[in-house]
Amino acid sequence: MKKLIILQALTVLFLAAASPTLAQSGDVSKIQNFIQNIIQVLVTLSGLVATGFFVWGGVGYITSSGNPEALDRSKRTILYSSVGLAIVLGAFILSNIVTQMATSAFG
């Protein structure tokens, strides 16, 4: 889980560092569309991963057979996947808001 977070942070850092260099070409809209497409792909992939963890946690919850450890582990899996999905969706909405504000402010 920590490796995935570090990988996502490095990807965002790379895109943030690369965009000013590429923006000097004069056509900022292509770069903006590229970054938006990457964000959409990452949100879609994280939604699929969260769905997989929801299913994994649900199956573990059903098959726990009253075992408190397995039941608790399944509950945590469902909780963590829902929190992760909420964070990703919040970041997606925030990036869309920032993009719209920057487009209206800078043209």
PDB file of N, CA and C in Angstrom:
ATOM      1  N   MET A   1       0.829  -1.183   0.000  1.00  0.00           N
ATOM      2  CA  MET A   1       0.000   0.000   0.000  1.00  0.00           C
ATOM      3  C   MET A   1       0.876   1.250   0.000  1.00  0.00           C
ATOM      4  N   LYS A   2       1.951   1.220   0.801  1.00  0.00           N
ATOM      5  CA  LYS A   2       2.839   2.366   0.858  1.00  0.00           C
ATOM      6  C   LYS A   2       3.566   2.557  -0.466  1.00  0.00           C
ATOM      7  N   LYS A   3       3.901   1.453  -1.138  1.00  0.00           N
ATOM      8  CA  LYS A   3       4.577   1.554  -2.422  1.00  0.00           C
ATOM      9  C   LYS A   3       3.669   2.196  -3.462  1.00  0.00           C
ATOM     10  N   LEU A   4       2.380   1.878  -3.421  1.00  0.00           N
ATOM     11  CA  LEU A   4       1.429   2.453  -4.360  1.00  0.00           C
ATOM     12  C   LEU A   4       1.284   3.952  -4.125  1.00  0.00           C
ATOM     13  N   ILE A   5       1.233   4.371  -2.883  1.00  0.00           N
ATOM     14  CA  ILE A   5       1.119   5.791  -2.565  1.00  0.00           C
ATOM     15  C   ILE A   5       2.374   6.531  -3.006  1.00  0.00           C
ATOM     16  N   ILE A   6       3.531   5.933  -2.777  1.00  0.00           N
ATOM     17  CA  ILE A   6       4.783   6.558  -3.194  1.00  0.00           C
ATOM     18  C   ILE A   6       4.847   6.650  -4.710  1.00  0.00           C
ATOM     19  N   LEU A   7       4.408   5.606  -5.404  1.00  0.00           N
ATOM     20  CA  LEU A   7       4.412   5.616  -6.860  1.00  0.00           C
ATOM     21  C   LEU A   7       3.475   6.688  -7.402  1.00  0.00           C
ATOM     22  N   GLN A   8       2.301   6.837  -6.816  1.00  0.00           N
ATOM     23  CA  GLN A   8       1.370   7.876  -7.257  1.00  0.00           C
ATOM     24  C   GLN A   8       1.937   9.262  -6.977  1.00  0.00           C
ATOM     25  N   ALA A   9       2.580   9.443  -5.831  1.00  0.00           N
ATOM     26  CA  ALA A   9       3.160  10.739  -5.503  1.00  0.00           C
ATOM     27  C   ALA A   9       4.285  11.084  -6.476  1.00  0.00           C
ATOM     28  N   LEU A  10       5.103  10.111  -6.828  1.00  0.00           N
ATOM     29  CA  LEU A  10       6.175  10.356  -7.786  1.00  0.00           C
ATOM     30  C   LEU A  10       5.623  10.680  -9.164  1.00  0.00           C
ATOM     31  N   THR A  11       4.544  10.018  -9.552  1.00  0.00           N
ATOM     32  CA  THR A  11       3.928  10.297 -10.846  1.00  0.00           C
ATOM     33  C   THR A  11       3.383  11.724 -10.893  1.00  0.00           C
ATOM     34  N   VAL A  12       2.705  12.131  -9.843  1.00  0.00           N
ATOM     35  CA  VAL A  12       2.173  13.491  -9.784  1.00  0.00           C
ATOM     36  C   VAL A  12       3.304  14.502  -9.761  1.00  0.00           C
ATOM     37  N   LEU A  13       4.352  14.220  -9.014  1.00  0.00           N
ATOM     38  CA  LEU A  13       5.501  15.107  -8.955  1.00  0.00           C
ATOM     39  C   LEU A  13       6.159  15.228 -10.321  1.00  0.00           C
ATOM     40  N   PHE A  14       6.293  14.116 -11.025  1.00  0.00           N
ATOM     41  CA  PHE A  14       6.876  14.141 -12.363  1.00  0.00           C
ATOM     42  C   PHE A  14       6.029  14.978 -13.308  1.00  0.00           C
ATOM     43  N   LEU A  15       4.717  14.794 -13.263  1.00  0.00           N
ATOM     44  CA  LEU A  15       3.842  15.565 -14.144  1.00  0.00           C
ATOM     45  C   LEU A  15       3.863  17.048 -13.799  1.00  0.00           C
ATOM     46  N   ALA A  16       3.934  17.361 -12.513  1.00  0.00           N
ATOM     47  CA  ALA A  16       3.987  18.764 -12.102  1.00  0.00           C
ATOM     48  C   ALA A  16       5.302  19.404 -12.527  1.00  0.00           C
ATOM     49  N   ALA A  17       6.378  18.650 -12.473  1.00  0.00           N
ATOM     50  CA  ALA A  17       7.681  19.193 -12.857  1.00  0.00           C
ATOM     51  C   ALA A  17       7.833  19.279 -14.372  1.00  0.00           C
ATOM     52  N   ALA A  18       7.182  18.385 -15.105  1.00  0.00           N
ATOM     53  CA  ALA A  18       7.344  18.344 -16.554  1.00  0.00           C
ATOM     54  C   ALA A  18       6.450  19.347 -17.264  1.00  0.00           C
ATOM     55  N   SER A  19       5.325  19.706 -16.684  1.00  0.00           N
ATOM     56  CA  SER A  19       4.379  20.566 -17.392  1.00  0.00           C
ATOM     57  C   SER A  19       4.907  21.974 -17.680  1.00  0.00           C
ATOM     58  N   PRO A  20       5.652  22.654 -16.781  1.00  0.00           N
ATOM     59  CA  PRO A  20       6.152  23.971 -17.168  1.00  0.00           C
ATOM     60  C   PRO A  20       7.139  23.914 -18.329  1.00  0.00           C
ATOM     61  N   THR A  21       7.937  22.884 -18.416  1.00  0.00           N
ATOM     62  CA  THR A  21       8.880  22.748 -19.506  1.00  0.00           C
ATOM     63  C   THR A  21       8.146  22.554 -20.823  1.00  0.00           C
ATOM     64  N   LEU A  22       7.130  21.712 -20.802  1.00  0.00           N
ATOM     65  CA  LEU A  22       6.376  21.471 -22.023  1.00  0.00           C
ATOM     66  C   LEU A  22       5.467  22.648 -22.374  1.00  0.00           C
ATOM     67  N   ALA A  23       5.105  23.453 -21.417  1.00  0.00           N
ATOM     68  CA  ALA A  23       4.197  24.568 -21.657  1.00  0.00           C
ATOM     69  C   ALA A  23       4.865  25.687 -22.440  1.00  0.00           C
ATOM     70  N   GLN A  24       6.164  25.677 -22.551  1.00  0.00           N
ATOM     71  CA  GLN A  24       6.856  26.730 -23.274  1.00  0.00           C
ATOM     72  C   GLN A  24       6.681  26.608 -24.773  1.00  0.00           C
ATOM     73  N   SER A  25       6.140  25.494 -25.232  1.00  0.00           N
ATOM     74  CA  SER A  25       5.940  25.326 -26.662  1.00  0.00           C
ATOM     75  C   SER A  25       4.835  26.215 -27.198  1.00  0.00           C
ATOM     76  N   GLY A  26       3.980  26.752 -26.342  1.00  0.00           N
ATOM     77  CA  GLY A  26       2.959  27.685 -26.770  1.00  0.00           C
ATOM     78  C   GLY A  26       1.563  27.111 -26.811  1.00  0.00           C
ATOM     79  N   ASP A  27       1.416  25.809 -26.807  1.00  0.00           N
ATOM     80  CA  ASP A  27       0.094  25.203 -26.856  1.00  0.00           C
ATOM     81  C   ASP A  27      -0.185  24.497 -25.534  1.00  0.00           C
ATOM     82  N   VAL A  28      -0.717  25.244 -24.590  1.00  0.00           N
ATOM     83  CA  VAL A  28      -0.941  24.738 -23.249  1.00  0.00           C
ATOM     84  C   VAL A  28      -2.153  23.806 -23.208  1.00  0.00           C
ATOM     85  N   SER A  29      -3.086  23.967 -24.117  1.00  0.00           N
ATOM     86  CA  SER A  29      -4.302  23.150 -24.082  1.00  0.00           C
ATOM     87  C   SER A  29      -3.999  21.669 -24.315  1.00  0.00           C
ATOM     88  N   LYS A  30      -2.995  21.365 -25.122  1.00  0.00           N
ATOM     89  CA  LYS A  30      -2.624  19.954 -25.335  1.00  0.00           C
ATOM     90  C   LYS A  30      -2.090  19.339 -24.043  1.00  0.00           C
ATOM     91  N   ILE A  31      -1.300  20.088 -23.328  1.00  0.00           N
ATOM     92  CA  ILE A  31      -0.744  19.591 -22.070  1.00  0.00           C
ATOM     93  C   ILE A  31      -1.844  19.437 -21.037  1.00  0.00           C
ATOM     94  N   GLN A  32      -2.743  20.399 -21.000  1.00  0.00           N
ATOM     95  CA  GLN A  32      -3.867  20.328 -20.068  1.00  0.00           C
ATOM     96  C   GLN A  32      -4.719  19.100 -20.351  1.00  0.00           C
ATOM     97  N   ASN A  33      -5.004  18.843 -21.615  1.00  0.00           N
ATOM     98  CA  ASN A  33      -5.792  17.654 -21.976  1.00  0.00           C
ATOM     99  C   ASN A  33      -5.048  16.375 -21.626  1.00  0.00           C
ATOM    100  N   PHE A  34      -3.736  16.364 -21.823  1.00  0.00           N
ATOM    101  CA  PHE A  34      -2.932  15.186 -21.493  1.00  0.00           C
ATOM    102  C   PHE A  34      -2.986  14.888 -20.003  1.00  0.00           C
ATOM    103  N   ILE A  35      -2.815  15.917 -19.183  1.00  0.00           N
ATOM    104  CA  ILE A  35      -2.848  15.725 -17.731  1.00  0.00           C
ATOM    105  C   ILE A  35      -4.233  15.292 -17.281  1.00  0.00           C
ATOM    106  N   GLN A  36      -5.291  15.883 -17.859  1.00  0.00           N
ATOM    107  CA  GLN A  36      -6.647  15.485 -17.509  1.00  0.00           C
ATOM    108  C   GLN A  36      -6.906  14.029 -17.886  1.00  0.00           C
ATOM    109  N   ASN A  37      -6.391  13.605 -19.022  1.00  0.00           N
ATOM    110  CA  ASN A  37      -6.557  12.208 -19.431  1.00  0.00           C
ATOM    111  C   ASN A  37      -5.835  11.262 -18.482  1.00  0.00           C
ATOM    112  N   ILE A  38      -4.654  11.633 -18.042  1.00  0.00           N
ATOM    113  CA  ILE A  38      -3.915  10.783 -17.100  1.00  0.00           C
ATOM    114  C   ILE A  38      -4.670  10.699 -15.771  1.00  0.00           C
ATOM    115  N   ILE A  39      -5.197  11.824 -15.305  1.00  0.00           N
ATOM    116  CA  ILE A  39      -5.957  11.818 -14.053  1.00  0.00           C
ATOM    117  C   ILE A  39      -7.185  10.935 -14.184  1.00  0.00           C
ATOM    118  N   GLN A  40      -7.878  11.008 -15.317  1.00  0.00           N
ATOM    119  CA  GLN A  40      -9.067  10.183 -15.519  1.00  0.00           C
ATOM    120  C   GLN A  40      -8.724   8.702 -15.543  1.00  0.00           C
ATOM    121  N   VAL A  41      -7.616   8.358 -16.173  1.00  0.00           N
ATOM    122  CA  VAL A  41      -7.193   6.956 -16.211  1.00  0.00           C
ATOM    123  C   VAL A  41      -6.855   6.469 -14.803  1.00  0.00           C
ATOM    124  N   LEU A  42      -6.139   7.291 -14.024  1.00  0.00           N
ATOM    125  CA  LEU A  42      -5.783   6.897 -12.666  1.00  0.00           C
ATOM    126  C   LEU A  42      -7.020   6.751 -11.781  1.00  0.00           C
ATOM    127  N   VAL A  43      -7.999   7.636 -11.961  1.00  0.00           N
ATOM    128  CA  VAL A  43      -9.235   7.528 -11.181  1.00  0.00           C
ATOM    129  C   VAL A  43      -9.988   6.258 -11.561  1.00  0.00           C
ATOM    130  N   THR A  44     -10.025   5.948 -12.862  1.00  0.00           N
ATOM    131  CA  THR A  44     -10.701   4.724 -13.298  1.00  0.00           C
ATOM    132  C   THR A  44     -10.018   3.487 -12.734  1.00  0.00           C
ATOM    133  N   LEU A  45      -8.686   3.455 -12.797  1.00  0.00           N
ATOM    134  CA  LEU A  45      -7.959   2.307 -12.252  1.00  0.00           C
ATOM    135  C   LEU A  45      -8.146   2.180 -10.743  1.00  0.00           C
ATOM    136  N   SER A  46      -8.123   3.308 -10.042  1.00  0.00           N
ATOM    137  CA  SER A  46      -8.318   3.225  -8.596  1.00  0.00           C
ATOM    138  C   SER A  46      -9.743   2.807  -8.255  1.00  0.00           C
ATOM    139  N   GLY A  47     -10.710   3.173  -9.074  1.00  0.00           N
ATOM    140  CA  GLY A  47     -12.079   2.706  -8.867  1.00  0.00           C
ATOM    141  C   GLY A  47     -12.191   1.203  -9.054  1.00  0.00           C
ATOM    142  N   LEU A  48     -11.487   0.682 -10.048  1.00  0.00           N
ATOM    143  CA  LEU A  48     -11.493  -0.765 -10.261  1.00  0.00           C
ATOM    144  C   LEU A  48     -10.806  -1.499  -9.107  1.00  0.00           C
ATOM    145  N   VAL A  49      -9.709  -0.936  -8.623  1.00  0.00           N
ATOM    146  CA  VAL A  49      -9.005  -1.555  -7.494  1.00  0.00           C
ATOM    147  C   VAL A  49      -9.880  -1.517  -6.242  1.00  0.00           C
ATOM    148  N   ALA A  50     -10.553  -0.386  -6.012  1.00  0.00           N
ATOM    149  CA  ALA A  50     -11.437  -0.283  -4.847  1.00  0.00           C
ATOM    150  C   ALA A  50     -12.589  -1.276  -4.959  1.00  0.00           C
ATOM    151  N   THR A  51     -13.129  -1.442  -6.152  1.00  0.00           N
ATOM    152  CA  THR A  51     -14.193  -2.427  -6.348  1.00  0.00           C
ATOM    153  C   THR A  51     -13.694  -3.830  -6.041  1.00  0.00           C
ATOM    154  N   GLY A  52     -12.483  -4.133  -6.479  1.00  0.00           N
ATOM    155  CA  GLY A  52     -11.899  -5.436  -6.174  1.00  0.00           C
ATOM    156  C   GLY A  52     -11.740  -5.657  -4.679  1.00  0.00           C
ATOM    157  N   PHE A  53     -11.309  -4.619  -3.966  1.00  0.00           N
ATOM    158  CA  PHE A  53     -11.159  -4.753  -2.521  1.00  0.00           C
ATOM    159  C   PHE A  53     -12.506  -4.836  -1.812  1.00  0.00           C
ATOM    160  N   PHE A  54     -13.522  -4.159  -2.348  1.00  0.00           N
ATOM    161  CA  PHE A  54     -14.871  -4.306  -1.790  1.00  0.00           C
ATOM    162  C   PHE A  54     -15.333  -5.757  -1.914  1.00  0.00           C
ATOM    163  N   VAL A  55     -15.112  -6.334  -3.081  1.00  0.00           N
ATOM    164  CA  VAL A  55     -15.507  -7.728  -3.303  1.00  0.00           C
ATOM    165  C   VAL A  55     -14.704  -8.649  -2.390  1.00  0.00           C
ATOM    166  N   TRP A  56     -13.394  -8.419  -2.312  1.00  0.00           N
ATOM    167  CA  TRP A  56     -12.526  -9.233  -1.455  1.00  0.00           C
ATOM    168  C   TRP A  56     -12.987  -9.160   0.001  1.00  0.00           C
ATOM    169  N   GLY A  57     -13.272  -7.955   0.478  1.00  0.00           N
ATOM    170  CA  GLY A  57     -13.744  -7.794   1.849  1.00  0.00           C
ATOM    171  C   GLY A  57     -15.110  -8.413   2.063  1.00  0.00           C
ATOM    172  N   GLY A  58     -15.995  -8.307   1.066  1.00  0.00           N
ATOM    173  CA  GLY A  58     -17.326  -8.911   1.182  1.00  0.00           C
ATOM    174  C   GLY A  58     -17.267 -10.421   1.224  1.00  0.00           C
ATOM    175  N   VAL A  59     -16.444 -11.001   0.379  1.00  0.00           N
ATOM    176  CA  VAL A  59     -16.287 -12.459   0.389  1.00  0.00           C
ATOM    177  C   VAL A  59     -15.673 -12.913   1.706  1.00  0.00           C
ATOM    178  N   GLY A  60     -14.671 -12.166   2.182  1.00  0.00           N
ATOM    179  CA  GLY A  60     -14.074 -12.508   3.473  1.00  0.00           C
ATOM    180  C   GLY A  60     -15.063 -12.365   4.613  1.00  0.00           C
ATOM    181  N   TYR A  61     -15.952 -11.389   4.523  1.00  0.00           N
ATOM    182  CA  TYR A  61     -16.971 -11.178   5.550  1.00  0.00           C
ATOM    183  C   TYR A  61     -17.970 -12.328   5.560  1.00  0.00           C
ATOM    184  N   ILE A  62     -18.353 -12.759   4.372  1.00  0.00           N
ATOM    185  CA  ILE A  62     -19.333 -13.845   4.267  1.00  0.00           C
ATOM    186  C   ILE A  62     -18.723 -15.176   4.713  1.00  0.00           C
ATOM    187  N   THR A  63     -17.483 -15.421   4.349  1.00  0.00           N
ATOM    188  CA  THR A  63     -16.857 -16.713   4.636  1.00  0.00           C
ATOM    189  C   THR A  63     -16.099 -16.733   5.962  1.00  0.00           C
ATOM    190  N   SER A  64     -16.265 -15.716   6.792  1.00  0.00           N
ATOM    191  CA  SER A  64     -15.515 -15.677   8.058  1.00  0.00           C
ATOM    192  C   SER A  64     -15.995 -16.729   9.051  1.00  0.00           C
ATOM    193  N   SER A  65     -17.197 -17.218   8.888  1.00  0.00           N
ATOM    194  CA  SER A  65     -17.761 -18.272   9.735  1.00  0.00           C
ATOM    195  C   SER A  65     -17.704 -17.924  11.224  1.00  0.00           C
ATOM    196  N   GLY A  66     -17.879 -16.673  11.543  1.00  0.00           N
ATOM    197  CA  GLY A  66     -17.900 -16.276  12.939  1.00  0.00           C
ATOM    198  C   GLY A  66     -16.528 -16.085  13.557  1.00  0.00           C
ATOM    199  N   ASN A  67     -15.469 -16.259  12.784  1.00  0.00           N
ATOM    200  CA  ASN A  67     -14.115 -16.051  13.294  1.00  0.00           C
ATOM    201  C   ASN A  67     -13.898 -14.548  13.482  1.00  0.00           C
ATOM    202  N   PRO A  68     -13.688 -14.096  14.711  1.00  0.00           N
ATOM    203  CA  PRO A  68     -13.589 -12.645  14.947  1.00  0.00           C
ATOM    204  C   PRO A  68     -12.420 -11.985  14.230  1.00  0.00           C
ATOM    205  N   GLU A  69     -11.299 -12.685  14.087  1.00  0.00           N
ATOM    206  CA  GLU A  69     -10.141 -12.100  13.412  1.00  0.00           C
ATOM    207  C   GLU A  69     -10.420 -11.895  11.928  1.00  0.00           C
ATOM    208  N   ALA A  70     -10.993 -12.911  11.285  1.00  0.00           N
ATOM    209  CA  ALA A  70     -11.309 -12.798   9.862  1.00  0.00           C
ATOM    210  C   ALA A  70     -12.403 -11.758   9.625  1.00  0.00           C
ATOM    211  N   LEU A  71     -13.361 -11.698  10.527  1.00  0.00           N
ATOM    212  CA  LEU A  71     -14.440 -10.724  10.420  1.00  0.00           C
ATOM    213  C   LEU A  71     -13.895  -9.304  10.550  1.00  0.00           C
ATOM    214  N   ASP A  72     -13.011  -9.081  11.498  1.00  0.00           N
ATOM    215  CA  ASP A  72     -12.416  -7.758  11.691  1.00  0.00           C
ATOM    216  C   ASP A  72     -11.548  -7.369  10.494  1.00  0.00           C
ATOM    217  N   ARG A  73     -10.787  -8.318   9.966  1.00  0.00           N
ATOM    218  CA  ARG A  73      -9.937  -8.057   8.807  1.00  0.00           C
ATOM    219  C   ARG A  73     -10.777  -7.674   7.593  1.00  0.00           C
ATOM    220  N   SER A  74     -11.893  -8.343   7.403  1.00  0.00           N
ATOM    221  CA  SER A  74     -12.774  -8.033   6.279  1.00  0.00           C
ATOM    222  C   SER A  74     -13.425  -6.673   6.440  1.00  0.00           C
ATOM    223  N   LYS A  75     -13.820  -6.348   7.651  1.00  0.00           N
ATOM    224  CA  LYS A  75     -14.404  -5.028   7.905  1.00  0.00           C
ATOM    225  C   LYS A  75     -13.395  -3.921   7.629  1.00  0.00           C
ATOM    226  N   ARG A  76     -12.142  -4.132   8.050  1.00  0.00           N
ATOM    227  CA  ARG A  76     -11.112  -3.131   7.787  1.00  0.00           C
ATOM    228  C   ARG A  76     -10.833  -2.998   6.298  1.00  0.00           C
ATOM    229  N   THR A  77     -10.851  -4.110   5.566  1.00  0.00           N
ATOM    230  CA  THR A  77     -10.639  -4.057   4.119  1.00  0.00           C
ATOM    231  C   THR A  77     -11.712  -3.218   3.448  1.00  0.00           C
ATOM    232  N   ILE A  78     -12.949  -3.428   3.829  1.00  0.00           N
ATOM    233  CA  ILE A  78     -14.051  -2.656   3.254  1.00  0.00           C
ATOM    234  C   ILE A  78     -13.931  -1.188   3.649  1.00  0.00           C
ATOM    235  N   LEU A  79     -13.602  -0.919   4.908  1.00  0.00           N
ATOM    236  CA  LEU A  79     -13.458   0.459   5.373  1.00  0.00           C
ATOM    237  C   LEU A  79     -12.333   1.180   4.645  1.00  0.00           C
ATOM    238  N   TYR A  80     -11.170   0.547   4.551  1.00  0.00           N
ATOM    239  CA  TYR A  80     -10.027   1.195   3.912  1.00  0.00           C
ATOM    240  C   TYR A  80     -10.259   1.407   2.422  1.00  0.00           C
ATOM    241  N   SER A  81     -10.924   0.478   1.764  1.00  0.00           N
ATOM    242  CA  SER A  81     -11.191   0.672   0.339  1.00  0.00           C
ATOM    243  C   SER A  81     -12.194   1.793   0.125  1.00  0.00           C
ATOM    244  N   SER A  82     -13.165   1.941   1.011  1.00  0.00           N
ATOM    245  CA  SER A  82     -14.118   3.043   0.855  1.00  0.00           C
ATOM    246  C   SER A  82     -13.460   4.387   1.145  1.00  0.00           C
ATOM    247  N   VAL A  83     -12.588   4.437   2.136  1.00  0.00           N
ATOM    248  CA  VAL A  83     -11.866   5.679   2.429  1.00  0.00           C
ATOM    249  C   VAL A  83     -10.938   6.038   1.264  1.00  0.00           C
ATOM    250  N   GLY A  84     -10.250   5.069   0.720  1.00  0.00           N
ATOM    251  CA  GLY A  84      -9.374   5.322  -0.423  1.00  0.00           C
ATOM    252  C   GLY A  84     -10.149   5.803  -1.637  1.00  0.00           C
ATOM    253  N   LEU A  85     -11.289   5.196  -1.886  1.00  0.00           N
ATOM    254  CA  LEU A  85     -12.116   5.614  -3.016  1.00  0.00           C
ATOM    255  C   LEU A  85     -12.637   7.029  -2.800  1.00  0.00           C
ATOM    256  N   ALA A  86     -13.019   7.373  -1.590  1.00  0.00           N
ATOM    257  CA  ALA A  86     -13.494   8.729  -1.299  1.00  0.00           C
ATOM    258  C   ALA A  86     -12.376   9.752  -1.506  1.00  0.00           C
ATOM    259  N   ILE A  87     -11.162   9.409  -1.104  1.00  0.00           N
ATOM    260  CA  ILE A  87     -10.031  10.321  -1.299  1.00  0.00           C
ATOM    261  C   ILE A  87      -9.752  10.526  -2.780  1.00  0.00           C
ATOM    262  N   VAL A  88      -9.771   9.447  -3.549  1.00  0.00           N
ATOM    263  CA  VAL A  88      -9.505   9.553  -4.978  1.00  0.00           C
ATOM    264  C   VAL A  88     -10.582  10.374  -5.679  1.00  0.00           C
ATOM    265  N   LEU A  89     -11.839  10.126  -5.345  1.00  0.00           N
ATOM    266  CA  LEU A  89     -12.914  10.901  -5.959  1.00  0.00           C
ATOM    267  C   LEU A  89     -12.846  12.365  -5.545  1.00  0.00           C
ATOM    268  N   GLY A  90     -12.488  12.628  -4.299  1.00  0.00           N
ATOM    269  CA  GLY A  90     -12.322  14.007  -3.857  1.00  0.00           C
ATOM    270  C   GLY A  90     -11.198  14.714  -4.600  1.00  0.00           C
ATOM    271  N   ALA A  91     -10.094  14.017  -4.813  1.00  0.00           N
ATOM    272  CA  ALA A  91      -8.978  14.588  -5.562  1.00  0.00           C
ATOM    273  C   ALA A  91      -9.363  14.838  -7.015  1.00  0.00           C
ATOM    274  N   PHE A  92     -10.148  13.942  -7.585  1.00  0.00           N
ATOM    275  CA  PHE A  92     -10.606  14.113  -8.964  1.00  0.00           C
ATOM    276  C   PHE A  92     -11.509  15.341  -9.083  1.00  0.00           C
ATOM    277  N   ILE A  93     -12.435  15.477  -8.159  1.00  0.00           N
ATOM    278  CA  ILE A  93     -13.331  16.632  -8.179  1.00  0.00           C
ATOM    279  C   ILE A  93     -12.548  17.921  -7.949  1.00  0.00           C
ATOM    280  N   LEU A  94     -11.609  17.903  -7.021  1.00  0.00           N
ATOM    281  CA  LEU A  94     -10.791  19.078  -6.749  1.00  0.00           C
ATOM    282  C   LEU A  94      -9.946  19.462  -7.961  1.00  0.00           C
ATOM    283  N   SER A  95      -9.378  18.481  -8.650  1.00  0.00           N
ATOM    284  CA  SER A  95      -8.584  18.801  -9.842  1.00  0.00           C
ATOM    285  C   SER A  95      -9.460  19.388 -10.940  1.00  0.00           C
ATOM    286  N   ASN A  96     -10.692  18.908 -11.068  1.00  0.00           N
ATOM    287  CA  ASN A  96     -11.597  19.497 -12.065  1.00  0.00           C
ATOM    288  C   ASN A  96     -11.960  20.930 -11.698  1.00  0.00           C
ATOM    289  N   ILE A  97     -12.180  21.199 -10.423  1.00  0.00           N
ATOM    290  CA  ILE A  97     -12.502  22.557  -9.991  1.00  0.00           C
ATOM    291  C   ILE A  97     -11.324  23.498 -10.245  1.00  0.00           C
ATOM    292  N   VAL A  98     -10.119  23.051  -9.904  1.00  0.00           N
ATOM    293  CA  VAL A  98      -8.931  23.875 -10.126  1.00  0.00           C
ATOM    294  C   VAL A  98      -8.723  24.119 -11.617  1.00  0.00           C
ATOM    295  N   THR A  99      -8.944  23.112 -12.445  1.00  0.00           N
ATOM    296  CA  THR A  99      -8.798  23.276 -13.889  1.00  0.00           C
ATOM    297  C   THR A  99      -9.790  24.291 -14.426  1.00  0.00           C
ATOM    298  N   GLN A 100     -11.026  24.215 -13.986  1.00  0.00           N
ATOM    299  CA  GLN A 100     -12.034  25.172 -14.450  1.00  0.00           C
ATOM    300  C   GLN A 100     -11.710  26.584 -13.985  1.00  0.00           C
ATOM    301  N   MET A 101     -11.253  26.724 -12.754  1.00  0.00           N
ATOM    302  CA  MET A 101     -10.904  28.060 -12.252  1.00  0.00           C
ATOM    303  C   MET A 101      -9.702  28.614 -12.986  1.00  0.00           C
ATOM    304  N   ALA A 102      -8.710  27.777 -13.248  1.00  0.00           N
ATOM    305  CA  ALA A 102      -7.520  28.256 -13.973  1.00  0.00           C
ATOM    306  C   ALA A 102      -7.856  28.605 -15.424  1.00  0.00           C
ATOM    307  N   THR A 103      -8.738  27.839 -16.031  1.00  0.00           N
ATOM    308  CA  THR A 103      -9.134  28.127 -17.404  1.00  0.00           C
ATOM    309  C   THR A 103      -9.889  29.444 -17.484  1.00  0.00           C
ATOM    310  N   SER A 104     -10.776  29.679 -16.526  1.00  0.00           N
ATOM    311  CA  SER A 104     -11.528  30.931 -16.548  1.00  0.00           C
ATOM    312  C   SER A 104     -10.631  32.124 -16.179  1.00  0.00           C
ATOM    313  N   ALA A 105      -9.637  31.932 -15.346  1.00  0.00           N
ATOM    314  CA  ALA A 105      -8.771  33.023 -14.927  1.00  0.00           C
ATOM    315  C   ALA A 105      -7.711  33.356 -15.975  1.00  0.00           C
ATOM    316  N   PHE A 106      -7.143  32.333 -16.610  1.00  0.00           N
ATOM    317  CA  PHE A 106      -6.026  32.556 -17.529  1.00  0.00           C
ATOM    318  C   PHE A 106      -6.388  32.396 -19.001  1.00  0.00           C
ATOM    319  N   GLY A 107      -7.585  31.952 -19.254  1.00  0.00           N
ATOM    320  CA  GLY A 107      -8.030  31.835 -20.633  1.00  0.00           C
ATOM    321  C   GLY A 107      -7.706  30.616 -21.291  1.00  0.00           C
TER     322      GLY A 107
END
